[in-house]
């Protein structure tokens, strides 16, 4: 697809796209040549449905209408371009807890034609310095509660504008002096709108560049065809807005549908359950771990408003799917997405959902399972998941582009198997497949078996090098409160696992932890478990 004339004055983002020959094949959904996703999500939605509908709700009980949101967004956009000197194409770092104000800042950056670089409020100075260096960030809008680490990052030339404070340079004070509508910059549909950095399960962040049309594409594919939201829906969830799972699920999808979102930081399963009942949440986004953590706490909480429960970020065990359906009557909408493709591209809902599978390609996307040579493998044969559609991987000046995109397909790094009905099932991350004494063992399958035991709260299974077998299976577990971490528990868990799956897949070593290492977005960091970490071992031969 040929690039259209850019509206960017600062062309850094476009200049650092990978060569077109290294892009994946991209499906054209027919968006116009000129497109500003901020204006489409906000101004166009108001034109369709009116300004008085609720758009965002916060933890204090404040409701922002679409009209009120637009007024705040336009004031901030005026500050960006009028007071701060932000030009179309400039990268603007956004950092803070999940609030309507953070979402308003993101929309203002979109309307101003700048490029949003979203980061997590929990990221530390060296991580922030890395991101700012890679994306050549010159401006930042930062919640006053998250200022210290950003200031400590010591990014040369970075102009930080705080919001939510009392200082004379506070964004809200500056915005209070601005009035009038802001006419969105007429960006090209393929101008870069955001640079999303991978959450770091491998410890090496990569900047993923997405266009204005990509932001709308995720709403017009997964949300429109699988979630099928209505203007009366209330969205909520645990993923932060610095994570594309959260940005899509809590900002892009509800605004595209004219619905509303409750925006607040993750406060644990009890808090999330209270929020669902208090704010009558109907569409929930969170990770498998959170669904499992909420299960024993459902009693006494009203979740009757829920109609859609979406899971992504890591594999959803069939045991969790069944337990949630039994407890709530709701079938979790499982899905796989990637920062490189912006959001979910394989999923299934309602009667199409099958526990233990991820689903089928979302309308607009294609998927297949391929071998090391890139050719499709027969159904039932594990291989690498390859995907293409309207969004795809375009790394910011990163040599790993050649690894992720091959022959026009995005290779996600996941091992999958497709059945005869076209359903895709997760096997493992490609680098998490354990080969022991000639057997291929998928860690998630072993995890699923362990999680069926009532004493296991969390499980992570990895391989450890072994001179005799090549690798052996090691299970890292978090037990329910009060369960002893001794040899009896190890023996019981091994017997339970052998009864559920083939004995050769059973962990030869079981280690108990107080908590498993995760990224700030909740993804399990298996690479940290391959080393030696503090744990109480229960070793078996």
Protein backbone atom coordinates (compact mmCIF):
# COMPACT_ATOMS: atom_id res chain seq x y z
CA UNK A 1 0.00 0.00 0.00
CA UNK A 2 1.64 3.25 -1.11
CA UNK A 3 2.32 5.87 1.57
CA UNK A 4 0.15 8.98 1.37
CA UNK A 5 1.52 12.53 1.78
CA UNK A 6 2.22 13.00 5.47
CA UNK A 7 0.89 15.83 7.64
CA UNK A 8 3.89 15.44 9.91
CA UNK A 9 6.35 18.32 10.09
CA UNK A 10 8.71 16.23 12.22
CA UNK A 11 9.15 13.13 10.07
CA UNK A 12 11.21 11.03 12.50
CA UNK A 13 8.58 8.30 12.86
CA UNK A 14 8.01 7.84 9.15
CA UNK A 15 11.74 8.09 8.43
CA UNK A 16 12.39 5.20 10.84
CA UNK A 17 9.76 2.81 9.56
CA UNK A 18 11.28 -0.41 8.25
CA UNK A 19 11.72 -0.67 4.47
CA UNK A 20 8.41 -1.41 2.75
CA UNK A 21 9.75 -4.77 1.56
CA UNK A 22 9.97 -5.85 5.22
CA UNK A 23 6.37 -4.93 6.06
CA UNK A 24 3.67 -7.55 6.42
CA UNK A 25 0.88 -7.73 3.89
CA UNK A 26 -1.78 -5.26 5.09
CA UNK A 27 -5.48 -5.60 4.31
CA UNK A 28 -7.09 -2.37 3.09
CA UNK A 29 -10.32 -1.69 5.01
CA UNK A 30 -11.13 1.29 2.81
CA UNK A 31 -10.33 4.18 5.14
CA UNK A 32 -9.98 7.61 3.49
CA UNK A 33 -6.56 9.05 2.67
CA UNK A 34 -6.95 11.72 5.35
CA UNK A 35 -7.89 10.37 8.74
CA UNK A 36 -7.35 11.50 12.33
CA UNK A 37 -8.30 8.74 14.74
CA UNK A 38 -8.78 11.18 17.63
CA UNK A 39 -11.34 13.14 15.67
CA UNK A 40 -13.05 9.94 14.53
CA UNK A 41 -13.31 8.50 18.03
CA UNK A 42 -14.54 11.70 19.63
CA UNK A 43 -15.94 14.27 17.20
CA UNK A 44 -17.48 11.78 14.78
CA UNK A 45 -19.06 9.80 17.63
CA UNK A 46 -20.62 12.99 19.00
CA UNK A 47 -22.01 13.76 15.55
CA UNK A 48 -23.63 10.31 15.44
CA UNK A 49 -24.92 9.96 18.98
CA UNK A 50 -24.82 13.37 20.66
CA UNK A 51 -22.66 15.07 23.30
CA UNK A 52 -24.65 14.30 26.43
CA UNK A 53 -23.90 10.59 26.67
CA UNK A 54 -21.44 9.38 29.35
CA UNK A 55 -17.95 8.73 27.99
CA UNK A 56 -15.75 8.13 31.04
CA UNK A 57 -16.37 7.45 34.73
CA UNK A 58 -13.71 7.66 37.43
CA UNK A 59 -13.09 6.26 40.90
CA UNK A 60 -14.50 9.41 42.53
CA UNK A 61 -17.84 8.86 40.83
CA UNK A 62 -17.40 11.68 38.33
CA UNK A 63 -19.00 11.14 34.93
CA UNK A 64 -17.45 12.79 31.88
CA UNK A 65 -19.91 13.27 29.04
CA UNK A 66 -18.73 13.13 25.45
CA UNK A 67 -19.20 16.89 25.24
CA UNK A 68 -17.23 17.48 28.42
CA UNK A 69 -14.50 15.15 27.25
CA UNK A 70 -14.21 16.98 23.94
CA UNK A 71 -13.93 20.33 25.69
CA UNK A 72 -11.05 19.04 27.85
CA UNK A 73 -9.34 17.34 24.91
CA UNK A 74 -9.52 20.47 22.77
CA UNK A 75 -8.13 22.64 25.58
CA UNK A 76 -5.21 20.24 26.03
CA UNK A 77 -4.59 20.14 22.28
CA UNK A 78 -4.47 23.96 22.25
CA UNK A 79 -1.87 23.83 25.04
CA UNK A 80 0.19 21.24 23.19
CA UNK A 81 0.44 23.26 20.01
CA UNK A 82 0.11 26.79 21.43
CA UNK A 83 2.02 26.73 24.73
CA UNK A 84 4.36 23.78 24.42
CA UNK A 85 5.30 24.02 20.76
CA UNK A 86 4.33 20.46 19.85
CA UNK A 87 4.36 20.00 16.08
CA UNK A 88 2.70 17.26 14.02
CA UNK A 89 4.96 14.24 14.23
CA UNK A 90 6.57 15.15 17.57
CA UNK A 91 6.64 12.25 20.02
CA UNK A 92 4.79 12.94 23.27
CA UNK A 93 5.33 10.59 26.20
CA UNK A 94 2.19 9.89 28.27
CA UNK A 95 2.66 8.57 31.79
CA UNK A 96 0.27 8.18 34.69
CA UNK A 97 -2.28 5.97 36.41
CA UNK A 98 -5.38 4.95 34.49
CA UNK A 99 -7.71 7.97 34.63
CA UNK A 100 -10.03 9.85 32.26
CA UNK A 101 -7.45 12.63 32.21
CA UNK A 102 -4.75 10.32 30.84
CA UNK A 103 -7.18 9.19 28.13
CA UNK A 104 -7.98 12.84 27.35
CA UNK A 105 -4.27 13.56 26.95
CA UNK A 106 -3.96 10.66 24.50
CA UNK A 107 -6.89 11.96 22.44
CA UNK A 108 -5.41 15.47 22.45
CA UNK A 109 -2.09 14.15 21.14
CA UNK A 110 -4.00 12.37 18.37
CA UNK A 111 -5.96 15.48 17.39
CA UNK A 112 -2.75 17.55 17.43
CA UNK A 113 -1.21 15.16 14.90
CA UNK A 114 1.59 14.20 17.26
CA UNK A 115 2.74 10.66 18.10
CA UNK A 116 1.78 9.20 21.47
CA UNK A 117 4.40 7.13 23.29
CA UNK A 118 2.49 5.42 26.06
CA UNK A 119 4.43 4.00 29.00
CA UNK A 120 3.44 2.36 32.25
CA UNK A 121 3.28 4.32 35.48
CA UNK A 122 5.35 1.58 37.12
CA UNK A 123 8.33 1.77 34.75
CA UNK A 124 11.62 2.81 36.33
CA UNK A 125 14.04 5.57 35.30
CA UNK A 126 16.37 3.39 33.22
CA UNK A 127 13.39 1.90 31.35
CA UNK A 128 11.95 5.36 30.68
CA UNK A 129 15.32 6.64 29.51
CA UNK A 130 15.57 3.73 27.06
CA UNK A 131 12.11 4.39 25.62
CA UNK A 132 12.72 8.13 25.31
CA UNK A 133 16.06 7.52 23.64
CA UNK A 134 14.69 5.07 21.10
CA UNK A 135 11.69 7.25 20.20
CA UNK A 136 13.58 10.58 20.45
CA UNK A 137 10.94 11.95 22.80
CA UNK A 138 11.05 15.70 23.48
CA UNK A 139 7.73 16.26 25.28
CA UNK A 140 5.99 14.43 28.13
CA UNK A 141 2.62 14.81 29.84
CA UNK A 142 2.90 13.18 33.27
CA UNK A 143 0.57 12.73 36.22
CA UNK A 144 2.12 14.46 39.26
CA UNK A 145 1.98 11.12 41.09
CA UNK A 146 4.36 9.59 38.53
CA UNK A 147 6.81 12.47 38.10
CA UNK A 148 9.74 11.35 40.23
CA UNK A 149 10.94 8.42 38.13
CA UNK A 150 10.50 10.35 34.89
CA UNK A 151 12.54 13.25 36.23
CA UNK A 152 15.15 10.79 37.55
CA UNK A 153 15.47 9.31 34.04
CA UNK A 154 17.44 12.42 33.11
CA UNK A 155 16.37 12.44 29.47
CA UNK A 156 18.29 15.22 27.68
CA UNK A 157 16.03 17.96 26.32
CA UNK A 158 12.81 16.38 27.60
CA UNK A 159 10.15 18.97 28.48
CA UNK A 160 7.89 17.51 31.16
CA UNK A 161 4.48 19.06 31.73
CA UNK A 162 2.75 17.73 34.85
CA UNK A 163 -0.96 17.40 35.31
CA UNK A 164 -3.07 17.12 38.44
CA UNK A 165 -0.90 19.41 40.55
CA UNK A 166 -1.01 22.98 41.80
CA UNK A 167 1.99 24.45 39.99
CA UNK A 168 1.76 27.36 37.56
CA UNK A 169 2.98 25.13 34.72
CA UNK A 170 0.40 22.41 35.39
CA UNK A 171 -1.32 21.23 32.24
CA UNK A 172 -4.78 21.79 33.68
CA UNK A 173 -3.95 25.36 34.70
CA UNK A 174 -2.64 26.05 31.21
CA UNK A 175 -5.70 24.38 29.67
CA UNK A 176 -8.00 26.54 31.76
CA UNK A 177 -6.80 29.58 29.82
CA UNK A 178 -7.69 28.02 26.49
CA UNK A 179 -11.13 28.10 24.89
CA UNK A 180 -12.74 27.19 21.63
CA UNK A 181 -12.91 24.10 19.47
CA UNK A 182 -9.70 22.55 18.21
CA UNK A 183 -9.66 21.52 14.59
CA UNK A 184 -7.86 18.20 14.36
CA UNK A 185 -4.76 18.05 12.19
CA UNK A 186 -5.60 16.41 8.87
CA UNK A 187 -3.22 13.52 9.28
CA UNK A 188 -2.80 10.89 6.61
CA UNK A 189 -4.40 7.58 7.48
CA UNK A 190 -0.89 6.08 7.41
CA UNK A 191 0.76 8.74 9.52
CA UNK A 192 2.15 7.19 12.70
CA UNK A 193 -0.22 7.81 15.60
CA UNK A 194 1.50 5.89 18.38
CA UNK A 195 4.63 4.01 19.28
CA UNK A 196 3.85 1.18 21.67
CA UNK A 197 6.76 -0.56 23.33
CA UNK A 198 6.63 -4.26 24.03
CA UNK A 199 6.06 -5.02 27.68
CA UNK A 200 9.35 -6.81 28.07
CA UNK A 201 8.78 -10.55 28.60
CA UNK A 202 12.23 -10.98 27.05
CA UNK A 203 13.74 -7.91 28.66
CA UNK A 204 14.42 -6.21 25.29
CA UNK A 205 11.82 -3.53 24.45
CA UNK A 206 10.84 -2.92 20.85
CA UNK A 207 8.93 0.10 19.60
CA UNK A 208 5.88 -0.85 17.50
CA UNK A 209 4.61 1.92 15.24
CA UNK A 210 0.91 2.07 14.42
CA UNK A 211 -0.98 4.35 12.07
CA UNK A 212 -4.18 6.35 12.56
CA UNK A 213 -6.03 3.80 10.45
CA UNK A 214 -4.71 0.97 12.65
CA UNK A 215 -6.36 2.48 15.73
CA UNK A 216 -9.74 2.35 14.03
CA UNK A 217 -9.06 -1.04 12.47
CA UNK A 218 -8.88 -2.83 15.82
CA UNK A 219 -12.28 -1.37 16.72
CA UNK A 220 -13.77 -2.22 13.34
CA UNK A 221 -12.56 -5.84 13.46
CA UNK A 222 -12.33 -7.47 16.91
CA UNK A 223 -14.61 -5.08 18.74
CA UNK A 224 -17.24 -4.74 16.03
CA UNK A 225 -17.39 -8.42 15.04
CA UNK A 226 -16.59 -10.31 18.24
CA UNK A 227 -17.53 -8.02 21.14
CA UNK A 228 -20.38 -6.27 19.29
CA UNK A 229 -20.68 -3.43 21.83
CA UNK A 230 -23.68 -1.11 22.12
CA UNK A 231 -23.77 2.54 23.19
CA UNK A 232 -25.19 1.44 26.55
CA UNK A 233 -22.20 -0.74 27.45
CA UNK A 234 -19.85 0.16 30.30
CA UNK A 235 -16.27 -1.03 29.75
CA UNK A 236 -13.75 -1.64 32.54
CA UNK A 237 -10.74 -3.78 33.32
CA UNK A 238 -7.29 -4.16 34.78
CA UNK A 239 -4.88 -3.46 31.87
CA UNK A 240 -3.28 0.00 32.01
CA UNK A 241 -3.60 2.43 29.11
CA UNK A 242 0.14 2.14 28.50
CA UNK A 243 -0.56 -1.44 27.38
CA UNK A 244 -2.29 -1.74 23.98
CA UNK A 245 -4.69 -4.32 25.45
CA UNK A 246 -5.92 -1.58 27.80
CA UNK A 247 -5.78 1.29 25.31
CA UNK A 248 -7.96 -0.65 22.89
CA UNK A 249 -10.33 -2.18 25.41
CA UNK A 250 -10.85 0.84 27.64
CA UNK A 251 -10.57 3.81 25.26
CA UNK A 252 -10.72 2.95 21.56
CA UNK A 253 -13.49 0.33 21.65
CA UNK A 254 -15.96 2.17 23.88
CA UNK A 255 -15.49 5.51 22.12
CA UNK A 256 -15.87 3.96 18.67
CA UNK A 257 -19.20 2.44 19.82
CA UNK A 258 -20.41 5.52 21.70
CA UNK A 259 -20.25 3.57 24.96
CA UNK A 260 -18.58 4.55 28.24
CA UNK A 261 -15.62 3.27 30.26
CA UNK A 262 -14.81 3.19 33.94
CA UNK A 263 -11.15 4.16 34.19
CA UNK A 264 -9.23 3.33 37.35
CA UNK A 265 -6.04 1.56 38.29
CA UNK A 266 -5.97 -2.16 39.04
CA UNK A 267 -6.65 -2.58 42.74
CA UNK A 268 -6.85 -6.35 43.00
CA UNK A 269 -9.70 -8.84 42.55
CA UNK A 270 -11.85 -7.54 45.42
CA UNK A 271 -11.71 -3.98 44.15
CA UNK A 272 -12.46 -5.07 40.58
CA UNK A 273 -15.49 -7.06 41.74
CA UNK A 274 -16.77 -4.07 43.72
CA UNK A 275 -16.31 -1.81 40.71
CA UNK A 276 -18.26 -4.19 38.47
CA UNK A 277 -21.26 -4.03 40.78
CA UNK A 278 -21.05 -0.33 41.63
CA UNK A 279 -20.60 0.92 38.06
CA UNK A 280 -22.69 -1.77 36.37
CA UNK A 281 -19.81 -2.86 34.16
CA UNK A 282 -20.95 -4.90 31.17
CA UNK A 283 -17.68 -5.47 29.25
CA UNK A 284 -14.67 -6.59 31.26
CA UNK A 285 -11.04 -6.80 30.09
CA UNK A 286 -8.50 -8.60 32.24
CA UNK A 287 -5.97 -11.44 32.28
CA UNK A 288 -6.53 -15.14 33.04
CA UNK A 289 -4.79 -14.73 36.40
CA UNK A 290 -7.34 -12.12 37.47
CA UNK A 291 -10.32 -14.28 36.50
CA UNK A 292 -8.86 -17.10 38.54
CA UNK A 293 -8.22 -14.77 41.49
CA UNK A 294 -11.83 -13.47 41.38
CA UNK A 295 -13.44 -16.91 41.37
CA UNK A 296 -13.27 -17.62 45.12
CA UNK A 297 -14.38 -14.05 45.87
CA UNK A 298 -17.55 -13.93 43.75
CA UNK A 299 -19.87 -14.64 46.65
CA UNK A 300 -21.38 -11.42 47.91
CA UNK A 301 -20.57 -9.45 44.75
CA UNK A 302 -23.07 -8.50 42.09
CA UNK A 303 -21.72 -9.31 38.64
CA UNK A 304 -25.13 -9.55 36.97
CA UNK A 305 -24.36 -6.54 34.73
CA UNK A 306 -21.56 -8.42 32.93
CA UNK A 307 -22.26 -9.71 29.43
CA UNK A 308 -18.75 -9.84 27.95
CA UNK A 309 -15.61 -11.04 29.74
CA UNK A 310 -12.47 -10.74 27.61
CA UNK A 311 -9.19 -12.50 28.39
CA UNK A 312 -5.83 -11.88 26.75
CA UNK A 313 -2.23 -11.22 27.64
CA UNK A 314 -1.41 -14.88 28.29
CA UNK A 315 -2.93 -18.29 27.68
CA UNK A 316 -6.36 -18.91 29.24
CA UNK A 317 -6.41 -22.40 30.82
CA UNK A 318 -9.50 -24.46 30.04
CA UNK A 319 -9.93 -25.05 33.78
CA UNK A 320 -10.33 -21.31 34.38
CA UNK A 321 -12.78 -20.99 31.46
CA UNK A 322 -14.98 -23.80 32.81
CA UNK A 323 -14.83 -22.55 36.40
CA UNK A 324 -15.85 -19.01 35.37
CA UNK A 325 -18.74 -20.26 33.27
CA UNK A 326 -19.95 -22.50 36.09
CA UNK A 327 -19.80 -19.65 38.60
CA UNK A 328 -21.23 -16.84 36.45
CA UNK A 329 -22.91 -18.43 33.43
CA UNK A 330 -20.62 -16.34 31.21
CA UNK A 331 -18.27 -17.71 28.57
CA UNK A 332 -14.96 -15.88 28.64
CA UNK A 333 -14.02 -14.40 25.26
CA UNK A 334 -10.49 -15.72 24.88
CA UNK A 335 -8.14 -14.04 22.47
CA UNK A 336 -4.57 -13.60 21.38
CA UNK A 337 -3.18 -10.23 20.48
CA UNK A 338 0.25 -8.68 20.23
CA UNK A 339 1.71 -5.22 20.63
CA UNK A 340 3.03 -5.69 17.09
CA UNK A 341 -0.53 -6.06 15.75
CA UNK A 342 -2.01 -3.64 18.30
CA UNK A 343 -4.81 -5.87 19.61
CA UNK A 344 -6.63 -9.22 19.34
CA UNK A 345 -6.63 -11.07 16.01
CA UNK A 346 -7.84 -14.59 16.96
CA UNK A 347 -10.85 -15.04 19.21
CA UNK A 348 -14.37 -16.45 19.53
CA UNK A 349 -17.44 -15.56 21.56
CA UNK A 350 -20.78 -17.01 22.63
CA UNK A 351 -21.64 -20.37 21.06
CA UNK A 352 -18.53 -20.18 18.89
CA UNK A 353 -16.25 -20.23 21.95
CA UNK A 354 -14.52 -23.53 22.68
CA UNK A 355 -12.69 -23.93 26.00
CA UNK A 356 -9.04 -24.80 25.58
CA UNK A 357 -8.83 -23.04 22.21
CA UNK A 358 -8.12 -19.41 21.37
CA UNK A 359 -10.68 -19.34 18.57
CA UNK A 360 -10.69 -18.46 14.91
CA UNK A 361 -9.26 -15.49 13.00
CA UNK A 362 -11.14 -12.28 13.70
CA UNK A 363 -12.93 -11.04 10.52
CA UNK A 364 -10.39 -9.05 8.55
CA UNK A 365 -7.47 -11.26 9.63
CA UNK A 366 -5.99 -14.48 8.27
CA UNK A 367 -3.99 -17.00 10.27
CA UNK A 368 -2.15 -20.22 9.57
CA UNK A 369 0.30 -22.56 11.27
CA UNK A 370 3.64 -22.91 9.51
CA UNK A 371 6.84 -24.88 9.87
CA UNK A 372 10.37 -23.54 10.12
CA UNK A 373 10.40 -23.21 6.32
CA UNK A 374 7.36 -20.90 6.39
CA UNK A 375 5.08 -23.40 4.70
CA UNK A 376 1.70 -24.36 6.22
CA UNK A 377 1.71 -27.61 8.20
CA UNK A 378 -1.21 -30.09 8.24
CA UNK A 379 -4.05 -29.56 10.71
CA UNK A 380 -3.22 -31.13 14.05
CA UNK A 381 0.50 -30.46 13.65
CA UNK A 382 2.13 -27.87 15.96
CA UNK A 383 3.95 -25.03 14.28
CA UNK A 384 4.50 -21.28 14.35
CA UNK A 385 1.47 -18.99 14.28
CA UNK A 386 1.48 -16.68 11.25
CA UNK A 387 -1.04 -13.83 10.97
CA UNK A 388 -1.86 -10.99 8.61
CA UNK A 389 -4.62 -8.42 8.39
CA UNK A 390 -5.22 -4.65 8.51
CA UNK A 391 -2.59 -4.16 11.25
CA UNK A 392 0.93 -5.54 11.47
CA UNK A 393 4.46 -5.24 12.74
CA UNK A 394 6.50 -2.17 11.87
CA UNK A 395 9.29 -1.85 14.41
CA UNK A 396 11.00 1.43 15.10
CA UNK A 397 14.49 1.03 13.57
CA UNK A 398 14.96 -2.51 14.88
CA UNK A 399 16.78 -5.36 13.16
CA UNK A 400 14.26 -7.81 14.63
CA UNK A 401 11.73 -6.71 11.98
CA UNK A 402 13.18 -9.44 9.71
CA UNK A 403 12.51 -12.05 12.39
CA UNK A 404 8.91 -11.04 13.06
CA UNK A 405 7.75 -10.54 9.47
CA UNK A 406 8.47 -13.18 6.83
CA UNK A 407 6.94 -13.46 3.39
CA UNK A 408 4.29 -10.88 4.33
CA UNK A 409 3.15 -12.72 7.48
CA UNK A 410 3.59 -11.71 11.12
CA UNK A 411 5.22 -14.54 13.07
CA UNK A 412 4.08 -13.99 16.64
CA UNK A 413 6.56 -16.31 18.34
CA UNK A 414 3.77 -18.64 19.50
CA UNK A 415 3.47 -22.35 18.80
CA UNK A 416 -0.11 -23.21 17.81
CA UNK A 417 -2.06 -26.05 16.34
CA UNK A 418 -5.13 -25.72 14.11
CA UNK A 419 -7.85 -28.35 14.08
CA UNK A 420 -9.99 -29.53 11.18
CA UNK A 421 -12.71 -27.00 12.08
CA UNK A 422 -10.30 -24.11 11.77
CA UNK A 423 -9.91 -23.46 15.51
CA UNK A 424 -6.49 -22.41 16.77
CA UNK A 425 -5.16 -23.74 20.07
CA UNK A 426 -2.19 -22.39 21.96
CA UNK A 427 0.65 -24.79 22.64
CA UNK A 428 3.45 -22.59 24.00
CA UNK A 429 5.65 -19.68 23.22
CA UNK A 430 8.05 -20.97 20.60
CA UNK A 431 10.96 -20.44 22.96
CA UNK A 432 9.07 -22.09 25.84
CA UNK A 433 8.72 -25.52 24.24
CA UNK A 434 10.50 -28.05 26.43
CA UNK A 435 12.30 -30.92 24.69
CA UNK A 436 13.01 -33.69 27.20
CA UNK A 437 14.41 -37.09 26.22
CA UNK A 438 13.09 -36.57 22.69
CA UNK A 439 9.59 -35.55 23.80
CA UNK A 440 8.14 -32.13 22.97
CA UNK A 441 6.38 -30.82 26.08
CA UNK A 442 4.32 -27.62 26.08
CA UNK A 443 4.64 -25.79 29.38
CA UNK A 444 1.09 -24.32 29.27
CA UNK A 445 -0.42 -27.80 28.99
CA UNK A 446 1.35 -28.83 32.19
CA UNK A 447 0.32 -25.55 33.83
CA UNK A 448 -3.31 -26.19 32.91
CA UNK A 449 -3.16 -29.62 34.54
CA UNK A 450 -1.62 -28.25 37.73
CA UNK A 451 -4.14 -25.41 37.94
CA UNK A 452 -6.97 -27.94 38.12
CA UNK A 453 -5.73 -28.92 41.58
CA UNK A 454 -7.59 -26.90 44.25
CA UNK A 455 -4.38 -26.12 46.17
CA UNK A 456 -2.64 -24.40 43.22
CA UNK A 457 -3.24 -20.67 42.81
CA UNK A 458 -0.68 -19.95 40.07
CA UNK A 459 1.60 -22.08 37.92
CA UNK A 460 4.48 -21.54 35.52
CA UNK A 461 6.33 -24.38 33.84
CA UNK A 462 9.74 -24.04 32.19
CA UNK A 463 12.57 -26.29 31.06
CA UNK A 464 15.90 -26.67 32.83
CA UNK A 465 19.03 -27.96 31.12
CA UNK A 466 19.85 -31.56 32.00
CA UNK A 467 22.87 -33.56 30.86
CA UNK A 468 20.93 -36.81 30.53
CA UNK A 469 17.59 -35.66 29.06
CA UNK A 470 18.51 -32.38 27.41
CA UNK A 471 15.86 -30.62 29.49
CA UNK A 472 13.61 -31.51 32.38
CA UNK A 473 10.23 -30.02 33.27
CA UNK A 474 10.25 -27.66 36.24
CA UNK A 475 7.03 -26.32 37.78
CA UNK A 476 7.02 -23.05 39.71
CA UNK A 477 3.89 -22.81 41.86
CA UNK A 478 2.08 -20.42 44.16
CA UNK A 479 -0.09 -22.40 46.58
CA UNK A 480 -3.32 -21.40 48.25
CA UNK A 481 -2.93 -19.86 51.68
CA UNK A 482 -2.27 -22.44 54.38
CA UNK A 483 -1.17 -25.28 52.10
CA UNK A 484 2.12 -26.76 53.38
CA UNK A 485 5.14 -26.54 51.09
CA UNK A 486 6.50 -29.99 51.80
CA UNK A 487 7.17 -33.38 50.29
CA UNK A 488 3.58 -34.55 50.78
CA UNK A 489 2.25 -31.68 48.70
CA UNK A 490 4.85 -32.35 46.02
CA UNK A 491 3.89 -36.03 45.87
CA UNK A 492 0.19 -35.22 45.71
CA UNK A 493 0.67 -32.70 42.91
CA UNK A 494 2.82 -35.07 40.88
CA UNK A 495 0.26 -37.88 41.24
CA UNK A 496 -2.55 -35.49 40.31
CA UNK A 497 -0.68 -34.30 37.22
CA UNK A 498 0.20 -37.83 36.08
CA UNK A 499 -3.48 -38.70 36.22
CA UNK A 500 -4.36 -35.71 34.03
CA UNK A 501 -1.66 -35.80 31.34
CA UNK A 502 0.94 -38.25 30.03
CA UNK A 503 3.46 -39.15 32.75
CA UNK A 504 6.46 -37.97 30.70
CA UNK A 505 5.04 -34.42 30.88
CA UNK A 506 4.87 -34.45 34.66
CA UNK A 507 7.25 -32.01 36.40
CA UNK A 508 10.41 -33.64 37.63
CA UNK A 509 11.00 -30.68 39.89
CA UNK A 510 8.48 -28.53 41.77
CA UNK A 511 9.40 -25.18 43.33
CA UNK A 512 7.13 -23.13 45.55
CA UNK A 513 7.08 -19.31 45.45
CA UNK A 514 5.29 -16.52 47.27
CA UNK A 515 4.63 -14.88 43.87
CA UNK A 516 5.60 -15.45 40.24
CA UNK A 517 7.52 -12.79 38.29
CA UNK A 518 5.26 -10.76 36.03
CA UNK A 519 5.51 -7.63 33.94
CA UNK A 520 3.51 -4.56 35.09
CA UNK A 521 0.84 -5.64 32.61
CA UNK A 522 0.48 -9.05 34.24
CA UNK A 523 2.36 -11.20 31.74
CA UNK A 524 4.34 -14.05 33.19
CA UNK A 525 8.11 -13.64 32.77
CA UNK A 526 9.19 -17.23 32.26
CA UNK A 527 12.68 -16.16 31.24
CA UNK A 528 13.29 -15.09 34.87
CA UNK A 529 12.29 -18.52 36.11
CA UNK A 530 14.91 -20.25 34.01
CA UNK A 531 17.54 -18.86 36.35
CA UNK A 532 17.86 -19.46 40.05
CA UNK A 533 15.30 -17.55 42.09
CA UNK A 534 14.23 -17.68 45.73
CA UNK A 535 11.84 -20.55 46.29
CA UNK A 536 11.14 -23.50 48.54
CA UNK A 537 12.05 -26.58 46.48
CA UNK A 538 10.31 -29.89 46.40
CA UNK A 539 12.65 -31.95 44.27
CA UNK A 540 11.88 -35.38 42.85
CA UNK A 541 14.02 -37.71 40.80
